Amino acid sequence: MDRIPILKMGRFLLVTIQVDMHDRLALALQDDLTARITETGARGVLIDISALEMVDSFIGRMIANIASMARILDAETVVTGMQPAVAITLVELGLDLPGVRTALTVERGMRLLRSVLRAAGELEEPSDADDEGSDAGPAE
C-alpha cells in the first residue's frame, strides 16, 4: 500500500500530499502521523494539500480528525495550500475543521507554527539562524 511521506523538520513534521487521497491512504496517514508525533515528540504538524484539487466529506473529516489527534498528542496543526474548490467544498459540506489552522503557503504555515509555539513559551524568539537555508525568498 502507498504511504505519504512524513518529514521531520526540527520540532515539526511536514506532510506533503502529492497524490489523490483515497480513504485507505487517509487512514494510513492518520496512523503514521500519530505514531511519528509520539516517536519524535513533534510540537507541530504542517500538512500541505496544495496538490489536492478536490475532497469529499470523508477526507475533510480525516483532516479534522488528524488535527484533533495531533492536539491530543500535544502538537499544533496547520494545513497549507488549500485550493479554492477545496475550501468551497468543505464549506458546502458543513465541515468546520475545528482545531485546524490554515495558511496559504508552506512558508506562512511554518511561521504560524513558530508563532504559536513562541506564544506558548515553547520556542525561543526568532533569530537570524531561523532563516538560514530558507528558499522562501523575501518576506511578504
N, C-alpha and C. Protein backbone atom coordinates (compact mmCIF):
# COMPACT_ATOMS: atom_id res chain seq x y z
N MET A 1 0.84 -1.18 0.00
CA MET A 1 0.00 0.00 0.00
C MET A 1 0.89 1.25 0.00
N ASP A 2 0.46 2.29 -0.71
CA ASP A 2 1.17 3.56 -0.75
C ASP A 2 1.13 4.22 0.61
N ARG A 3 2.15 5.02 0.87
CA ARG A 3 2.22 5.80 2.10
C ARG A 3 2.60 7.22 1.72
N ILE A 4 2.14 8.17 2.52
CA ILE A 4 2.50 9.56 2.32
C ILE A 4 3.70 9.84 3.21
N PRO A 5 4.79 10.38 2.64
CA PRO A 5 5.98 10.63 3.45
C PRO A 5 5.74 11.70 4.51
N ILE A 6 6.37 11.50 5.65
CA ILE A 6 6.30 12.44 6.77
C ILE A 6 7.73 12.83 7.10
N LEU A 7 8.07 14.11 6.89
CA LEU A 7 9.42 14.59 7.10
C LEU A 7 9.51 15.34 8.43
N LYS A 8 10.61 15.14 9.14
CA LYS A 8 10.83 15.86 10.40
C LYS A 8 11.69 17.07 10.10
N MET A 9 11.23 18.24 10.54
CA MET A 9 11.97 19.49 10.36
C MET A 9 12.04 20.17 11.72
N GLY A 10 13.09 19.89 12.46
CA GLY A 10 13.21 20.44 13.80
C GLY A 10 12.12 19.87 14.69
N ARG A 11 11.31 20.75 15.27
CA ARG A 11 10.23 20.31 16.17
C ARG A 11 8.93 20.05 15.44
N PHE A 12 8.97 20.13 14.10
CA PHE A 12 7.75 19.99 13.30
C PHE A 12 7.83 18.78 12.38
N LEU A 13 6.65 18.30 11.99
CA LEU A 13 6.54 17.27 10.97
C LEU A 13 5.88 17.91 9.75
N LEU A 14 6.40 17.61 8.58
CA LEU A 14 5.87 18.14 7.33
C LEU A 14 5.30 16.99 6.50
N VAL A 15 4.04 17.15 6.13
CA VAL A 15 3.36 16.16 5.29
C VAL A 15 2.94 16.88 4.01
N THR A 16 3.41 16.39 2.88
CA THR A 16 3.02 16.96 1.60
C THR A 16 2.25 15.91 0.83
N ILE A 17 0.98 16.18 0.63
CA ILE A 17 0.12 15.23 -0.07
C ILE A 17 0.19 15.54 -1.56
N GLN A 18 0.83 14.66 -2.31
CA GLN A 18 1.06 14.87 -3.74
C GLN A 18 0.23 13.94 -4.63
N VAL A 19 -0.61 13.13 -4.01
CA VAL A 19 -1.42 12.17 -4.76
C VAL A 19 -2.88 12.36 -4.37
N ASP A 20 -3.77 11.83 -5.20
CA ASP A 20 -5.18 11.87 -4.84
C ASP A 20 -5.39 11.03 -3.59
N MET A 21 -6.06 11.62 -2.63
CA MET A 21 -6.32 10.91 -1.38
C MET A 21 -7.51 9.99 -1.54
N HIS A 22 -7.33 8.74 -1.18
CA HIS A 22 -8.45 7.82 -1.09
C HIS A 22 -8.57 7.40 0.36
N ASP A 23 -9.66 6.78 0.70
CA ASP A 23 -9.97 6.51 2.10
C ASP A 23 -8.88 5.73 2.83
N ARG A 24 -8.36 4.67 2.20
CA ARG A 24 -7.33 3.86 2.86
C ARG A 24 -6.04 4.64 3.09
N LEU A 25 -5.69 5.48 2.11
CA LEU A 25 -4.48 6.29 2.25
C LEU A 25 -4.65 7.31 3.37
N ALA A 26 -5.84 7.89 3.50
CA ALA A 26 -6.11 8.85 4.58
C ALA A 26 -6.01 8.16 5.95
N LEU A 27 -6.54 6.96 6.06
CA LEU A 27 -6.46 6.22 7.32
C LEU A 27 -5.02 5.86 7.66
N ALA A 28 -4.25 5.47 6.63
CA ALA A 28 -2.84 5.14 6.85
C ALA A 28 -2.07 6.39 7.30
N LEU A 29 -2.38 7.54 6.69
CA LEU A 29 -1.73 8.78 7.08
C LEU A 29 -2.04 9.11 8.54
N GLN A 30 -3.28 8.93 8.93
CA GLN A 30 -3.68 9.18 10.31
C GLN A 30 -2.85 8.33 11.27
N ASP A 31 -2.74 7.04 10.98
CA ASP A 31 -1.97 6.14 11.83
C ASP A 31 -0.48 6.49 11.84
N ASP A 32 0.08 6.72 10.64
CA ASP A 32 1.50 7.03 10.52
C ASP A 32 1.85 8.34 11.22
N LEU A 33 1.00 9.34 11.04
CA LEU A 33 1.30 10.65 11.60
C LEU A 33 1.21 10.65 13.13
N THR A 34 0.20 10.01 13.68
CA THR A 34 0.11 9.96 15.14
C THR A 34 1.29 9.18 15.72
N ALA A 35 1.72 8.13 15.05
CA ALA A 35 2.88 7.38 15.52
C ALA A 35 4.14 8.24 15.47
N ARG A 36 4.31 9.01 14.40
CA ARG A 36 5.50 9.87 14.26
C ARG A 36 5.51 11.00 15.29
N ILE A 37 4.33 11.56 15.59
CA ILE A 37 4.26 12.60 16.62
C ILE A 37 4.75 12.03 17.95
N THR A 38 4.29 10.83 18.27
CA THR A 38 4.68 10.18 19.52
C THR A 38 6.17 9.84 19.53
N GLU A 39 6.68 9.29 18.42
CA GLU A 39 8.09 8.90 18.34
C GLU A 39 9.03 10.09 18.45
N THR A 40 8.67 11.18 17.78
CA THR A 40 9.59 12.32 17.67
C THR A 40 9.34 13.41 18.70
N GLY A 41 8.19 13.40 19.34
CA GLY A 41 7.84 14.48 20.25
C GLY A 41 7.57 15.78 19.52
N ALA A 42 7.19 15.69 18.26
CA ALA A 42 6.94 16.88 17.44
C ALA A 42 5.90 17.78 18.11
N ARG A 43 6.10 19.07 17.99
CA ARG A 43 5.17 20.04 18.58
C ARG A 43 4.28 20.69 17.54
N GLY A 44 4.57 20.43 16.26
CA GLY A 44 3.76 21.00 15.20
C GLY A 44 3.70 20.07 14.01
N VAL A 45 2.57 20.14 13.30
CA VAL A 45 2.37 19.36 12.09
C VAL A 45 1.90 20.30 11.00
N LEU A 46 2.59 20.29 9.88
CA LEU A 46 2.17 21.09 8.73
C LEU A 46 1.77 20.12 7.64
N ILE A 47 0.53 20.24 7.17
CA ILE A 47 0.02 19.37 6.11
C ILE A 47 -0.23 20.23 4.88
N ASP A 48 0.55 20.00 3.83
CA ASP A 48 0.40 20.75 2.59
C ASP A 48 -0.51 19.96 1.65
N ILE A 49 -1.67 20.57 1.34
CA ILE A 49 -2.65 19.90 0.47
C ILE A 49 -2.78 20.62 -0.87
N SER A 50 -1.75 21.36 -1.27
CA SER A 50 -1.84 22.15 -2.50
C SER A 50 -2.07 21.30 -3.74
N ALA A 51 -1.72 20.04 -3.72
CA ALA A 51 -1.93 19.18 -4.88
C ALA A 51 -3.34 18.59 -4.93
N LEU A 52 -4.10 18.73 -3.84
CA LEU A 52 -5.47 18.20 -3.83
C LEU A 52 -6.41 19.17 -4.53
N GLU A 53 -7.03 18.70 -5.58
CA GLU A 53 -7.96 19.56 -6.31
C GLU A 53 -9.39 19.40 -5.82
N MET A 54 -9.66 18.30 -5.14
CA MET A 54 -10.99 18.09 -4.60
C MET A 54 -10.93 17.18 -3.38
N VAL A 55 -11.91 17.33 -2.51
CA VAL A 55 -12.03 16.46 -1.35
C VAL A 55 -13.48 16.06 -1.19
N ASP A 56 -13.69 14.92 -0.54
CA ASP A 56 -15.06 14.53 -0.21
C ASP A 56 -15.21 14.68 1.31
N SER A 57 -16.39 14.36 1.80
CA SER A 57 -16.65 14.55 3.23
C SER A 57 -15.74 13.67 4.08
N PHE A 58 -15.41 12.47 3.62
CA PHE A 58 -14.55 11.59 4.40
C PHE A 58 -13.15 12.19 4.55
N ILE A 59 -12.58 12.67 3.46
CA ILE A 59 -11.23 13.25 3.52
C ILE A 59 -11.25 14.52 4.38
N GLY A 60 -12.29 15.32 4.25
CA GLY A 60 -12.42 16.51 5.09
C GLY A 60 -12.47 16.16 6.56
N ARG A 61 -13.25 15.13 6.90
CA ARG A 61 -13.32 14.69 8.30
C ARG A 61 -11.99 14.13 8.76
N MET A 62 -11.28 13.43 7.88
CA MET A 62 -9.98 12.87 8.25
C MET A 62 -8.97 13.98 8.57
N ILE A 63 -9.00 15.06 7.81
CA ILE A 63 -8.11 16.19 8.11
C ILE A 63 -8.43 16.74 9.49
N ALA A 64 -9.72 16.92 9.77
CA ALA A 64 -10.14 17.40 11.10
C ALA A 64 -9.74 16.41 12.19
N ASN A 65 -9.92 15.12 11.94
CA ASN A 65 -9.56 14.09 12.93
C ASN A 65 -8.06 14.08 13.19
N ILE A 66 -7.27 14.20 12.12
CA ILE A 66 -5.81 14.21 12.27
C ILE A 66 -5.40 15.39 13.15
N ALA A 67 -6.00 16.56 12.91
CA ALA A 67 -5.68 17.74 13.72
C ALA A 67 -6.08 17.53 15.17
N SER A 68 -7.24 16.92 15.40
CA SER A 68 -7.68 16.65 16.78
C SER A 68 -6.75 15.66 17.47
N MET A 69 -6.37 14.61 16.78
CA MET A 69 -5.45 13.62 17.35
C MET A 69 -4.10 14.25 17.65
N ALA A 70 -3.62 15.09 16.73
CA ALA A 70 -2.34 15.76 16.95
C ALA A 70 -2.42 16.64 18.19
N ARG A 71 -3.53 17.35 18.35
CA ARG A 71 -3.70 18.23 19.51
C ARG A 71 -3.69 17.43 20.81
N ILE A 72 -4.36 16.29 20.80
CA ILE A 72 -4.36 15.43 21.98
C ILE A 72 -2.94 14.96 22.29
N LEU A 73 -2.13 14.79 21.24
CA LEU A 73 -0.73 14.38 21.41
C LEU A 73 0.20 15.57 21.59
N ASP A 74 -0.39 16.76 21.86
CA ASP A 74 0.35 17.98 22.19
C ASP A 74 1.10 18.58 21.00
N ALA A 75 0.49 18.51 19.82
CA ALA A 75 1.07 19.13 18.63
C ALA A 75 0.02 19.99 17.94
N GLU A 76 0.43 21.15 17.47
CA GLU A 76 -0.45 22.03 16.71
C GLU A 76 -0.45 21.60 15.26
N THR A 77 -1.54 21.88 14.54
CA THR A 77 -1.64 21.52 13.13
C THR A 77 -1.97 22.74 12.29
N VAL A 78 -1.28 22.86 11.17
CA VAL A 78 -1.57 23.89 10.17
C VAL A 78 -1.70 23.19 8.83
N VAL A 79 -2.78 23.50 8.11
CA VAL A 79 -3.00 22.98 6.76
C VAL A 79 -2.69 24.11 5.79
N THR A 80 -1.86 23.84 4.81
CA THR A 80 -1.48 24.87 3.84
C THR A 80 -1.86 24.46 2.42
N GLY A 81 -1.93 25.49 1.57
CA GLY A 81 -2.11 25.26 0.15
C GLY A 81 -3.51 24.84 -0.28
N MET A 82 -4.51 25.17 0.51
CA MET A 82 -5.87 24.76 0.15
C MET A 82 -6.34 25.48 -1.11
N GLN A 83 -6.76 24.69 -2.09
CA GLN A 83 -7.30 25.24 -3.33
C GLN A 83 -8.68 25.83 -3.08
N PRO A 84 -9.08 26.86 -3.82
CA PRO A 84 -10.41 27.45 -3.63
C PRO A 84 -11.54 26.42 -3.73
N ALA A 85 -11.44 25.50 -4.68
CA ALA A 85 -12.50 24.49 -4.84
C ALA A 85 -12.60 23.60 -3.61
N VAL A 86 -11.48 23.32 -2.97
CA VAL A 86 -11.48 22.50 -1.76
C VAL A 86 -12.15 23.27 -0.63
N ALA A 87 -11.80 24.55 -0.47
CA ALA A 87 -12.42 25.37 0.57
C ALA A 87 -13.93 25.45 0.36
N ILE A 88 -14.34 25.67 -0.86
CA ILE A 88 -15.78 25.76 -1.18
C ILE A 88 -16.47 24.45 -0.83
N THR A 89 -15.87 23.33 -1.22
CA THR A 89 -16.46 22.03 -0.94
C THR A 89 -16.59 21.78 0.56
N LEU A 90 -15.55 22.09 1.31
CA LEU A 90 -15.60 21.88 2.76
C LEU A 90 -16.71 22.71 3.39
N VAL A 91 -16.87 23.95 2.95
CA VAL A 91 -17.94 24.79 3.49
C VAL A 91 -19.30 24.25 3.09
N GLU A 92 -19.44 23.86 1.82
CA GLU A 92 -20.72 23.32 1.36
C GLU A 92 -21.09 22.03 2.08
N LEU A 93 -20.09 21.25 2.47
CA LEU A 93 -20.34 20.02 3.21
C LEU A 93 -20.61 20.29 4.69
N GLY A 94 -20.42 21.53 5.11
CA GLY A 94 -20.65 21.90 6.50
C GLY A 94 -19.55 21.46 7.45
N LEU A 95 -18.34 21.26 6.92
CA LEU A 95 -17.21 20.83 7.75
C LEU A 95 -16.47 22.05 8.27
N ASP A 96 -16.35 22.16 9.59
CA ASP A 96 -15.70 23.31 10.21
C ASP A 96 -14.19 23.16 10.35
N LEU A 97 -13.71 21.95 10.45
CA LEU A 97 -12.30 21.66 10.71
C LEU A 97 -11.83 22.33 12.00
N PRO A 98 -12.48 22.01 13.12
CA PRO A 98 -12.08 22.62 14.39
C PRO A 98 -10.65 22.24 14.75
N GLY A 99 -9.92 23.20 15.28
CA GLY A 99 -8.54 22.96 15.68
C GLY A 99 -7.55 22.99 14.54
N VAL A 100 -8.02 23.25 13.34
CA VAL A 100 -7.13 23.29 12.18
C VAL A 100 -6.87 24.75 11.83
N ARG A 101 -5.63 25.15 11.93
CA ARG A 101 -5.24 26.47 11.44
C ARG A 101 -4.88 26.31 9.97
N THR A 102 -5.05 27.38 9.21
CA THR A 102 -4.72 27.32 7.79
C THR A 102 -3.79 28.46 7.41
N ALA A 103 -3.02 28.22 6.36
CA ALA A 103 -2.15 29.24 5.79
C ALA A 103 -2.10 28.98 4.29
N LEU A 104 -1.87 30.03 3.53
CA LEU A 104 -1.86 29.88 2.07
C LEU A 104 -0.66 29.11 1.56
N THR A 105 0.50 29.30 2.19
CA THR A 105 1.72 28.66 1.71
C THR A 105 2.42 27.91 2.83
N VAL A 106 3.35 27.04 2.46
CA VAL A 106 4.13 26.30 3.44
C VAL A 106 4.95 27.28 4.29
N GLU A 107 5.53 28.30 3.67
CA GLU A 107 6.33 29.26 4.41
C GLU A 107 5.48 29.96 5.47
N ARG A 108 4.29 30.40 5.10
CA ARG A 108 3.41 31.05 6.07
C ARG A 108 2.97 30.07 7.15
N GLY A 109 2.75 28.83 6.77
CA GLY A 109 2.36 27.81 7.74
C GLY A 109 3.45 27.56 8.76
N MET A 110 4.70 27.53 8.32
CA MET A 110 5.82 27.34 9.26
C MET A 110 5.94 28.54 10.19
N ARG A 111 5.75 29.74 9.65
CA ARG A 111 5.79 30.93 10.51
C ARG A 111 4.66 30.88 11.54
N LEU A 112 3.49 30.42 11.11
CA LEU A 112 2.36 30.32 12.03
C LEU A 112 2.64 29.32 13.14
N LEU A 113 3.18 28.15 12.79
CA LEU A 113 3.53 27.16 13.81
C LEU A 113 4.55 27.73 14.79
N ARG A 114 5.58 28.40 14.26
CA ARG A 114 6.59 29.00 15.14
C ARG A 114 5.97 30.03 16.07
N SER A 115 5.07 30.86 15.55
CA SER A 115 4.48 31.91 16.39
C SER A 115 3.57 31.31 17.45
N VAL A 116 2.86 30.23 17.14
CA VAL A 116 2.00 29.58 18.14
C VAL A 116 2.86 29.01 19.26
N LEU A 117 3.95 28.35 18.91
CA LEU A 117 4.83 27.78 19.94
C LEU A 117 5.56 28.87 20.72
N ARG A 118 5.92 29.95 20.03
CA ARG A 118 6.57 31.06 20.71
C ARG A 118 5.61 31.68 21.72
N ALA A 119 4.36 31.85 21.33
CA ALA A 119 3.35 32.42 22.23
C ALA A 119 3.13 31.54 23.45
N ALA A 120 3.28 30.23 23.26
CA ALA A 120 3.12 29.29 24.37
C ALA A 120 4.40 29.18 25.20
N GLY A 121 5.44 29.94 24.81
CA GLY A 121 6.70 29.91 25.56
C GLY A 121 7.53 28.68 25.28
N GLU A 122 7.27 27.99 24.19
CA GLU A 122 7.99 26.74 23.90
C GLU A 122 9.03 26.90 22.81
N LEU A 123 9.14 28.10 22.29
CA LEU A 123 10.12 28.33 21.23
C LEU A 123 10.78 29.67 21.53
N GLU A 124 12.09 29.73 21.33
CA GLU A 124 12.81 30.98 21.58
C GLU A 124 12.39 32.02 20.56
N GLU A 125 12.71 33.26 20.87
CA GLU A 125 12.43 34.34 19.94
C GLU A 125 13.18 34.08 18.63
N PRO A 126 12.65 34.58 17.51
CA PRO A 126 13.30 34.32 16.22
C PRO A 126 14.70 34.91 16.19
N SER A 127 15.57 34.22 15.48
CA SER A 127 16.93 34.72 15.30
C SER A 127 17.26 34.65 13.83
N ASP A 128 18.40 35.18 13.47
CA ASP A 128 18.82 35.11 12.08
C ASP A 128 19.01 33.67 11.64
N ALA A 129 19.30 32.78 12.58
CA ALA A 129 19.52 31.37 12.25
C ALA A 129 18.24 30.70 11.77
N ASP A 130 17.07 31.23 12.18
CA ASP A 130 15.81 30.64 11.74
C ASP A 130 15.63 30.73 10.24
N ASP A 131 16.28 31.72 9.62
CA ASP A 131 16.10 31.92 8.19
C ASP A 131 17.21 31.31 7.36
N GLU A 132 18.23 30.74 8.01
CA GLU A 132 19.31 30.12 7.26
C GLU A 132 18.80 28.96 6.44
N GLY A 133 19.23 28.90 5.20
CA GLY A 133 18.85 27.80 4.34
C GLY A 133 17.45 27.92 3.79
N SER A 134 16.76 28.97 4.09
CA SER A 134 15.39 29.14 3.62
C SER A 134 15.42 29.58 2.17
N ASP A 135 14.58 28.98 1.37
CA ASP A 135 14.47 29.39 -0.03
C ASP A 135 13.12 30.08 -0.25
N ALA A 136 12.58 30.63 0.82
CA ALA A 136 11.26 31.25 0.74
C ALA A 136 11.31 32.59 0.03
N GLY A 137 12.50 33.17 -0.13
CA GLY A 137 12.59 34.46 -0.78
C GLY A 137 12.32 35.58 0.20
N PRO A 138 12.09 36.78 -0.33
CA PRO A 138 11.87 37.92 0.55
C PRO A 138 10.59 37.79 1.35
N ALA A 139 10.57 38.44 2.50
CA ALA A 139 9.37 38.42 3.35
C ALA A 139 8.24 39.11 2.62
N GLU A 140 7.04 38.60 2.89
CA GLU A 140 5.87 39.18 2.22
C GLU A 140 5.33 40.34 3.00
